[in-house]
Amino acid sequence: MFPRSLTWIELREYIDSGRGPIVIPIGSLEGHGAHLPIDTDALIASFVADELAKRNGWVSLPPIVYTIAVPVRPGNVYVEPRVFRAYLSSILSHFVKFGQKSFIVILGHGGPEIKSAVADVCSDLCREREVDIAAFHIANILSRLGLVDTSRDRHAGGWETSIVLAIDPSLVKDVSVYSRGDFRRYGVVGDPTRASTEAGRRYVASVIEYMERVVKGAGVKGCYLDWIQGG
């Protein structure tokens, strides 16, 4: 959350001033190999959201963590899509009720079900409540920029491990468990042994700059879903 000490008084003043969007990160609770925490998606989305808000004098809120993860492990929490849709809609509608007119949604978790749910909620709110929402998917941006081949580095691999290293290296456990290259055994798609703090910083900076170009450069009116409408 940014500012970290945000009070409801300050949030009300921010909304009343119309100074900018509220930034809302969305992640998941999901296994990320033997080396990353189960809230990795939320951790990355929240960090990007906070840094974006900090650079622009905006407000970011705590992440939405319990979402739609394939329930194949005890760390993967699956919320029914219809429940998640209603939950996300309720959150955004709450701030619209108090006068907020623009949002940036940052999605750190992938998969067709959550992308579809976010798209449905954002599209409905933009149409029914006349608000502006720009929604971005972090992996999609990295792929579009040519920084990551997400067909090969898709889950708990190099790019996610690099960003977590940049956020807090103490959160990354020893990757020597993958010395035999058996990544799939642990649910990893990619190679986390190639990760670096420097790469993580570069990925975060590139994603934020991309979002700023879209939101501040071209401007966003209505509903913008980057994984669908992005060039």
C-alpha atoms as a PDB file:
ATOM      1  CA  MET A   1       0.000   0.000   0.000  1.00  0.00           C
ATOM      2  CA  PHE A   2       1.209   3.505  -0.772  1.00  0.00           C
ATOM      3  CA  PRO A   3       1.388   5.667   1.198  1.00  0.00           C
ATOM      4  CA  ARG A   4       2.001   2.947   3.804  1.00  0.00           C
ATOM      5  CA  SER A   5       0.532   5.176   6.538  1.00  0.00           C
ATOM      6  CA  LEU A   6      -2.606   5.991   4.507  1.00  0.00           C
ATOM      7  CA  THR A   7      -5.604   6.913   6.682  1.00  0.00           C
ATOM      8  CA  TRP A   8      -9.232   7.043   5.623  1.00  0.00           C
ATOM      9  CA  ILE A   9      -9.109  10.838   5.929  1.00  0.00           C
ATOM     10  CA  GLU A  10      -6.229  11.016   3.457  1.00  0.00           C
ATOM     11  CA  LEU A  11      -7.987   8.566   1.139  1.00  0.00           C
ATOM     12  CA  ARG A  12     -11.138  10.692   1.191  1.00  0.00           C
ATOM     13  CA  GLU A  13      -9.099  13.807   0.382  1.00  0.00           C
ATOM     14  CA  TYR A  14      -7.371  11.982  -2.471  1.00  0.00           C
ATOM     15  CA  ILE A  15     -10.688  10.863  -3.970  1.00  0.00           C
ATOM     16  CA  ASP A  16     -12.251  14.309  -3.555  1.00  0.00           C
ATOM     17  CA  SER A  17      -9.260  15.978  -5.222  1.00  0.00           C
ATOM     18  CA  GLY A  18      -9.509  13.834  -8.359  1.00  0.00           C
ATOM     19  CA  ARG A  19      -5.694  13.733  -8.457  1.00  0.00           C
ATOM     20  CA  GLY A  20      -5.431  10.319 -10.041  1.00  0.00           C
ATOM     21  CA  PRO A  21      -6.362   6.643 -10.093  1.00  0.00           C
ATOM     22  CA  ILE A  22      -6.514   4.177  -7.251  1.00  0.00           C
ATOM     23  CA  VAL A  23      -4.121   1.331  -8.037  1.00  0.00           C
ATOM     24  CA  ILE A  24      -5.327  -2.146  -7.063  1.00  0.00           C
ATOM     25  CA  PRO A  25      -2.992  -5.173  -7.281  1.00  0.00           C
ATOM     26  CA  ILE A  26      -4.379  -8.677  -7.735  1.00  0.00           C
ATOM     27  CA  GLY A  27      -2.389 -11.839  -7.066  1.00  0.00           C
ATOM     28  CA  SER A  28      -3.138 -15.332  -5.850  1.00  0.00           C
ATOM     29  CA  LEU A  29      -2.280 -17.878  -3.198  1.00  0.00           C
ATOM     30  CA  GLU A  30      -0.519 -20.514  -5.256  1.00  0.00           C
ATOM     31  CA  GLY A  31       2.510 -22.776  -5.106  1.00  0.00           C
ATOM     32  CA  HIS A  32       5.618 -21.310  -6.735  1.00  0.00           C
ATOM     33  CA  GLY A  33       8.081 -24.138  -6.645  1.00  0.00           C
ATOM     34  CA  ALA A  34      10.237 -25.068  -3.666  1.00  0.00           C
ATOM     35  CA  HIS A  35      11.914 -21.661  -3.510  1.00  0.00           C
ATOM     36  CA  LEU A  36       9.249 -18.912  -3.662  1.00  0.00           C
ATOM     37  CA  PRO A  37       6.408 -18.109  -1.215  1.00  0.00           C
ATOM     38  CA  ILE A  38       2.840 -19.016  -2.045  1.00  0.00           C
ATOM     39  CA  ASP A  39       1.832 -15.352  -2.204  1.00  0.00           C
ATOM     40  CA  THR A  40       4.415 -14.567  -4.924  1.00  0.00           C
ATOM     41  CA  ASP A  41       1.858 -13.264  -7.433  1.00  0.00           C
ATOM     42  CA  ALA A  42       0.374 -10.873  -4.877  1.00  0.00           C
ATOM     43  CA  LEU A  43       3.830  -9.864  -3.659  1.00  0.00           C
ATOM     44  CA  ILE A  44       4.960  -8.904  -7.176  1.00  0.00           C
ATOM     45  CA  ALA A  45       1.710  -7.169  -8.139  1.00  0.00           C
ATOM     46  CA  SER A  46       1.693  -5.206  -4.887  1.00  0.00           C
ATOM     47  CA  PHE A  47       5.316  -4.118  -5.262  1.00  0.00           C
ATOM     48  CA  VAL A  48       4.732  -2.918  -8.826  1.00  0.00           C
ATOM     49  CA  ALA A  49       1.543  -1.120  -7.739  1.00  0.00           C
ATOM     50  CA  ASP A  50       3.280   0.627  -4.853  1.00  0.00           C
ATOM     51  CA  GLU A  51       6.224   1.728  -6.987  1.00  0.00           C
ATOM     52  CA  LEU A  52       3.890   3.003  -9.720  1.00  0.00           C
ATOM     53  CA  ALA A  53       1.855   4.959  -7.173  1.00  0.00           C
ATOM     54  CA  LYS A  54       4.965   6.351  -5.487  1.00  0.00           C
ATOM     55  CA  ARG A  55       6.411   7.651  -8.761  1.00  0.00           C
ATOM     56  CA  ASN A  56       3.216   9.445  -9.697  1.00  0.00           C
ATOM     57  CA  GLY A  57       1.750  10.637  -6.399  1.00  0.00           C
ATOM     58  CA  TRP A  58      -1.124   8.180  -6.632  1.00  0.00           C
ATOM     59  CA  VAL A  59      -2.631   5.806  -4.072  1.00  0.00           C
ATOM     60  CA  SER A  60      -2.233   2.026  -4.145  1.00  0.00           C
ATOM     61  CA  LEU A  61      -4.177  -0.357  -1.942  1.00  0.00           C
ATOM     62  CA  PRO A  62      -3.286  -3.734  -0.394  1.00  0.00           C
ATOM     63  CA  PRO A  63      -3.468  -6.685  -2.792  1.00  0.00           C
ATOM     64  CA  ILE A  64      -6.372  -8.992  -3.430  1.00  0.00           C
ATOM     65  CA  VAL A  65      -4.756 -12.320  -2.595  1.00  0.00           C
ATOM     66  CA  TYR A  66      -7.367 -15.097  -2.564  1.00  0.00           C
ATOM     67  CA  THR A  67      -8.395 -15.507  -6.193  1.00  0.00           C
ATOM     68  CA  ILE A  68      -8.554 -18.273  -8.799  1.00  0.00           C
ATOM     69  CA  ALA A  69      -5.657 -20.756  -8.648  1.00  0.00           C
ATOM     70  CA  VAL A  70      -5.842 -24.289 -10.008  1.00  0.00           C
ATOM     71  CA  PRO A  71      -6.372 -26.395  -6.833  1.00  0.00           C
ATOM     72  CA  VAL A  72      -3.723 -29.051  -7.385  1.00  0.00           C
ATOM     73  CA  ARG A  73      -1.676 -28.311  -4.223  1.00  0.00           C
ATOM     74  CA  PRO A  74      -2.526 -27.324  -0.636  1.00  0.00           C
ATOM     75  CA  GLY A  75      -1.033 -23.878  -1.300  1.00  0.00           C
ATOM     76  CA  ASN A  76      -3.315 -23.224  -4.277  1.00  0.00           C
ATOM     77  CA  VAL A  77      -6.573 -21.567  -3.224  1.00  0.00           C
ATOM     78  CA  TYR A  78      -9.388 -21.694  -5.764  1.00  0.00           C
ATOM     79  CA  VAL A  79     -12.201 -19.181  -5.413  1.00  0.00           C
ATOM     80  CA  GLU A  80     -15.166 -19.863  -7.666  1.00  0.00           C
ATOM     81  CA  PRO A  81     -15.031 -17.384 -10.586  1.00  0.00           C
ATOM     82  CA  ARG A  82     -18.551 -16.116  -9.921  1.00  0.00           C
ATOM     83  CA  VAL A  83     -17.593 -15.436  -6.292  1.00  0.00           C
ATOM     84  CA  PHE A  84     -14.408 -13.654  -7.318  1.00  0.00           C
ATOM     85  CA  ARG A  85     -16.302 -11.549  -9.856  1.00  0.00           C
ATOM     86  CA  ALA A  86     -18.774 -10.434  -7.215  1.00  0.00           C
ATOM     87  CA  TYR A  87     -15.971  -9.749  -4.725  1.00  0.00           C
ATOM     88  CA  LEU A  88     -13.883  -7.648  -7.135  1.00  0.00           C
ATOM     89  CA  SER A  89     -16.970  -5.791  -8.322  1.00  0.00           C
ATOM     90  CA  SER A  90     -17.898  -4.991  -4.721  1.00  0.00           C
ATOM     91  CA  ILE A  91     -14.434  -3.604  -3.996  1.00  0.00           C
ATOM     92  CA  LEU A  92     -14.330  -1.328  -7.020  1.00  0.00           C
ATOM     93  CA  SER A  93     -17.962  -0.272  -6.589  1.00  0.00           C
ATOM     94  CA  HIS A  94     -17.246   0.771  -3.012  1.00  0.00           C
ATOM     95  CA  PHE A  95     -14.760   3.409  -4.136  1.00  0.00           C
ATOM     96  CA  VAL A  96     -17.003   4.507  -7.006  1.00  0.00           C
ATOM     97  CA  LYS A  97     -19.741   5.106  -4.423  1.00  0.00           C
ATOM     98  CA  PHE A  98     -17.461   7.604  -2.690  1.00  0.00           C
ATOM     99  CA  GLY A  99     -16.610   9.411  -5.904  1.00  0.00           C
ATOM    100  CA  GLN A 100     -13.536   7.657  -7.346  1.00  0.00           C
ATOM    101  CA  LYS A 101     -13.644   7.744 -11.149  1.00  0.00           C
ATOM    102  CA  SER A 102     -10.439   6.015 -12.279  1.00  0.00           C
ATOM    103  CA  PHE A 103      -8.574   2.821 -11.414  1.00  0.00           C
ATOM    104  CA  ILE A 104      -5.506   0.875 -12.446  1.00  0.00           C
ATOM    105  CA  VAL A 105      -5.731  -2.881 -11.880  1.00  0.00           C
ATOM    106  CA  ILE A 106      -2.435  -4.787 -11.878  1.00  0.00           C
ATOM    107  CA  LEU A 107      -2.751  -8.523 -12.351  1.00  0.00           C
ATOM    108  CA  GLY A 108       0.153 -10.623 -11.108  1.00  0.00           C
ATOM    109  CA  HIS A 109      -1.604 -13.957 -11.615  1.00  0.00           C
ATOM    110  CA  GLY A 110      -2.358 -15.545 -14.977  1.00  0.00           C
ATOM    111  CA  GLY A 111      -4.762 -18.035 -16.424  1.00  0.00           C
ATOM    112  CA  PRO A 112      -7.880 -17.646 -18.557  1.00  0.00           C
ATOM    113  CA  GLU A 113     -10.366 -17.770 -15.678  1.00  0.00           C
ATOM    114  CA  ILE A 114      -8.976 -14.830 -13.733  1.00  0.00           C
ATOM    115  CA  LYS A 115      -8.328 -12.768 -16.870  1.00  0.00           C
ATOM    116  CA  SER A 116     -11.909 -13.370 -17.979  1.00  0.00           C
ATOM    117  CA  ALA A 117     -13.270 -12.471 -14.540  1.00  0.00           C
ATOM    118  CA  VAL A 118     -11.277  -9.235 -14.353  1.00  0.00           C
ATOM    119  CA  ALA A 119     -12.281  -8.319 -17.897  1.00  0.00           C
ATOM    120  CA  ASP A 120     -15.973  -8.911 -17.171  1.00  0.00           C
ATOM    121  CA  VAL A 121     -15.971  -6.868 -13.965  1.00  0.00           C
ATOM    122  CA  CYS A 122     -14.029  -3.954 -15.439  1.00  0.00           C
ATOM    123  CA  SER A 123     -16.127  -3.844 -18.602  1.00  0.00           C
ATOM    124  CA  ASP A 124     -19.400  -3.896 -16.659  1.00  0.00           C
ATOM    125  CA  LEU A 125     -18.319  -1.138 -14.266  1.00  0.00           C
ATOM    126  CA  CYS A 126     -17.016   1.102 -17.027  1.00  0.00           C
ATOM    127  CA  ARG A 127     -20.286   0.757 -18.883  1.00  0.00           C
ATOM    128  CA  GLU A 128     -22.681   0.968 -15.940  1.00  0.00           C
ATOM    129  CA  ARG A 129     -20.877   3.418 -13.647  1.00  0.00           C
ATOM    130  CA  GLU A 130     -19.019   5.540 -16.243  1.00  0.00           C
ATOM    131  CA  VAL A 131     -15.575   5.073 -14.729  1.00  0.00           C
ATOM    132  CA  ASP A 132     -12.177   4.596 -16.358  1.00  0.00           C
ATOM    133  CA  ILE A 133     -10.246   1.388 -15.645  1.00  0.00           C
ATOM    134  CA  ALA A 134      -6.897   0.335 -17.078  1.00  0.00           C
ATOM    135  CA  ALA A 135      -6.062  -3.295 -16.324  1.00  0.00           C
ATOM    136  CA  PHE A 136      -2.602  -4.745 -16.915  1.00  0.00           C
ATOM    137  CA  HIS A 137      -1.118  -8.244 -16.734  1.00  0.00           C
ATOM    138  CA  ILE A 138       2.549  -8.178 -15.700  1.00  0.00           C
ATOM    139  CA  ALA A 139       3.664 -11.289 -17.601  1.00  0.00           C
ATOM    140  CA  ASN A 140       1.902 -10.067 -20.722  1.00  0.00           C
ATOM    141  CA  ILE A 141       3.811  -6.771 -20.576  1.00  0.00           C
ATOM    142  CA  LEU A 142       7.176  -8.500 -20.154  1.00  0.00           C
ATOM    143  CA  SER A 143       6.385 -10.701 -23.143  1.00  0.00           C
ATOM    144  CA  ARG A 144       5.251  -7.765 -25.291  1.00  0.00           C
ATOM    145  CA  LEU A 145       8.412  -5.837 -24.476  1.00  0.00           C
ATOM    146  CA  GLY A 146      10.506  -8.818 -25.541  1.00  0.00           C
ATOM    147  CA  LEU A 147      12.090  -9.162 -22.114  1.00  0.00           C
ATOM    148  CA  VAL A 148      10.724 -12.619 -21.272  1.00  0.00           C
ATOM    149  CA  ASP A 149       9.629 -15.585 -23.373  1.00  0.00           C
ATOM    150  CA  THR A 150       6.584 -16.475 -21.296  1.00  0.00           C
ATOM    151  CA  SER A 151       5.953 -19.616 -23.324  1.00  0.00           C
ATOM    152  CA  ARG A 152       9.083 -21.054 -21.681  1.00  0.00           C
ATOM    153  CA  ASP A 153       9.434 -18.950 -18.521  1.00  0.00           C
ATOM    154  CA  ARG A 154       5.881 -19.068 -17.266  1.00  0.00           C
ATOM    155  CA  HIS A 155       5.697 -19.974 -13.598  1.00  0.00           C
ATOM    156  CA  ALA A 156       8.176 -19.554 -10.708  1.00  0.00           C
ATOM    157  CA  GLY A 157      11.001 -19.429 -13.228  1.00  0.00           C
ATOM    158  CA  GLY A 158      13.562 -16.777 -14.034  1.00  0.00           C
ATOM    159  CA  TRP A 159      11.495 -13.616 -14.203  1.00  0.00           C
ATOM    160  CA  GLU A 160       9.341 -14.152 -11.109  1.00  0.00           C
ATOM    161  CA  THR A 161      12.344 -15.256  -9.070  1.00  0.00           C
ATOM    162  CA  SER A 162      14.307 -12.227 -10.268  1.00  0.00           C
ATOM    163  CA  ILE A 163      11.581  -9.801  -9.203  1.00  0.00           C
ATOM    164  CA  VAL A 164      11.253 -11.417  -5.761  1.00  0.00           C
ATOM    165  CA  LEU A 165      15.034 -11.154  -5.380  1.00  0.00           C
ATOM    166  CA  ALA A 166      14.734  -7.445  -6.172  1.00  0.00           C
ATOM    167  CA  ILE A 167      11.934  -7.040  -3.613  1.00  0.00           C
ATOM    168  CA  ASP A 168      13.464  -9.046  -0.764  1.00  0.00           C
ATOM    169  CA  PRO A 169      16.165 -11.681  -1.366  1.00  0.00           C
ATOM    170  CA  SER A 170      15.423 -13.299   2.000  1.00  0.00           C
ATOM    171  CA  LEU A 171      12.144 -14.575   0.508  1.00  0.00           C
ATOM    172  CA  VAL A 172      13.922 -16.746  -2.071  1.00  0.00           C
ATOM    173  CA  LYS A 173      15.000 -20.147  -0.781  1.00  0.00           C
ATOM    174  CA  ASP A 174      17.996 -22.121  -2.026  1.00  0.00           C
ATOM    175  CA  VAL A 175      17.509 -23.078  -5.690  1.00  0.00           C
ATOM    176  CA  SER A 176      20.025 -25.933  -5.479  1.00  0.00           C
ATOM    177  CA  VAL A 177      17.019 -28.216  -5.063  1.00  0.00           C
ATOM    178  CA  TYR A 178      16.776 -27.949  -8.863  1.00  0.00           C
ATOM    179  CA  SER A 179      20.361 -29.124  -9.466  1.00  0.00           C
ATOM    180  CA  ARG A 180      19.090 -32.046 -11.535  1.00  0.00           C
ATOM    181  CA  GLY A 181      16.928 -29.758 -13.652  1.00  0.00           C
ATOM    182  CA  ASP A 182      13.680 -31.401 -12.507  1.00  0.00           C
ATOM    183  CA  PHE A 183      11.748 -28.131 -12.370  1.00  0.00           C
ATOM    184  CA  ARG A 184       8.390 -29.611 -13.342  1.00  0.00           C
ATOM    185  CA  ARG A 185       8.394 -31.873 -10.302  1.00  0.00           C
ATOM    186  CA  TYR A 186       7.969 -28.749  -8.179  1.00  0.00           C
ATOM    187  CA  GLY A 187       5.494 -27.003 -10.468  1.00  0.00           C
ATOM    188  CA  VAL A 188       8.101 -24.703 -12.021  1.00  0.00           C
ATOM    189  CA  VAL A 189       7.994 -23.702 -15.687  1.00  0.00           C
ATOM    190  CA  GLY A 190      11.249 -21.887 -16.398  1.00  0.00           C
ATOM    191  CA  ASP A 191      14.691 -21.829 -14.823  1.00  0.00           C
ATOM    192  CA  PRO A 192      14.939 -19.975 -11.499  1.00  0.00           C
ATOM    193  CA  THR A 193      18.668 -20.719 -11.256  1.00  0.00           C
ATOM    194  CA  ARG A 194      19.225 -18.038 -13.918  1.00  0.00           C
ATOM    195  CA  ALA A 195      17.487 -15.334 -11.872  1.00  0.00           C
ATOM    196  CA  SER A 196      19.229 -12.192 -10.673  1.00  0.00           C
ATOM    197  CA  THR A 197      18.400  -9.117  -8.629  1.00  0.00           C
ATOM    198  CA  GLU A 198      19.557  -6.883 -11.482  1.00  0.00           C
ATOM    199  CA  ALA A 199      17.170  -8.546 -13.931  1.00  0.00           C
ATOM    200  CA  GLY A 200      14.328  -8.178 -11.421  1.00  0.00           C
ATOM    201  CA  ARG A 201      14.929  -4.456 -11.074  1.00  0.00           C
ATOM    202  CA  ARG A 202      15.023  -4.099 -14.835  1.00  0.00           C
ATOM    203  CA  TYR A 203      11.748  -6.002 -15.237  1.00  0.00           C
ATOM    204  CA  VAL A 204       9.961  -3.876 -12.623  1.00  0.00           C
ATOM    205  CA  ALA A 205      11.215  -0.599 -14.108  1.00  0.00           C
ATOM    206  CA  SER A 206      10.196  -1.654 -17.627  1.00  0.00           C
ATOM    207  CA  VAL A 207       6.711  -2.720 -16.550  1.00  0.00           C
ATOM    208  CA  ILE A 208       6.112   0.543 -14.681  1.00  0.00           C
ATOM    209  CA  GLU A 209       7.366   2.673 -17.574  1.00  0.00           C
ATOM    210  CA  TYR A 210       5.082   0.763 -19.939  1.00  0.00           C
ATOM    211  CA  MET A 211       2.053   1.357 -17.738  1.00  0.00           C
ATOM    212  CA  GLU A 212       2.881   5.045 -17.453  1.00  0.00           C
ATOM    213  CA  ARG A 213       3.119   5.378 -21.232  1.00  0.00           C
ATOM    214  CA  VAL A 214      -0.315   3.834 -21.658  1.00  0.00           C
ATOM    215  CA  VAL A 215      -2.080   5.668 -18.837  1.00  0.00           C
ATOM    216  CA  LYS A 216      -0.409   9.080 -19.087  1.00  0.00           C
ATOM    217  CA  GLY A 217       0.650   9.126 -22.720  1.00  0.00           C
ATOM    218  CA  ALA A 218      -2.262   7.848 -24.758  1.00  0.00           C
ATOM    219  CA  GLY A 219      -4.726   8.323 -21.931  1.00  0.00           C
ATOM    220  CA  VAL A 220      -7.315   5.772 -20.904  1.00  0.00           C
ATOM    221  CA  LYS A 221     -11.019   6.368 -21.256  1.00  0.00           C
ATOM    222  CA  GLY A 222     -13.507   3.674 -20.444  1.00  0.00           C
ATOM    223  CA  CYS A 223     -12.184   0.147 -20.072  1.00  0.00           C
ATOM    224  CA  TYR A 224      -8.674  -0.770 -21.224  1.00  0.00           C
ATOM    225  CA  LEU A 225      -7.640  -4.418 -20.900  1.00  0.00           C
ATOM    226  CA  ASP A 226      -3.982  -4.599 -21.836  1.00  0.00           C
ATOM    227  CA  TRP A 227      -3.870  -8.327 -22.624  1.00  0.00           C
ATOM    228  CA  ILE A 228      -6.708  -7.824 -25.118  1.00  0.00           C
ATOM    229  CA  GLN A 229      -6.307  -4.268 -26.449  1.00  0.00           C
ATOM    230  CA  GLY A 230      -2.555  -3.707 -26.119  1.00  0.00           C
ATOM    231  CA  GLY A 231      -0.610  -3.247 -29.317  1.00  0.00           C
END
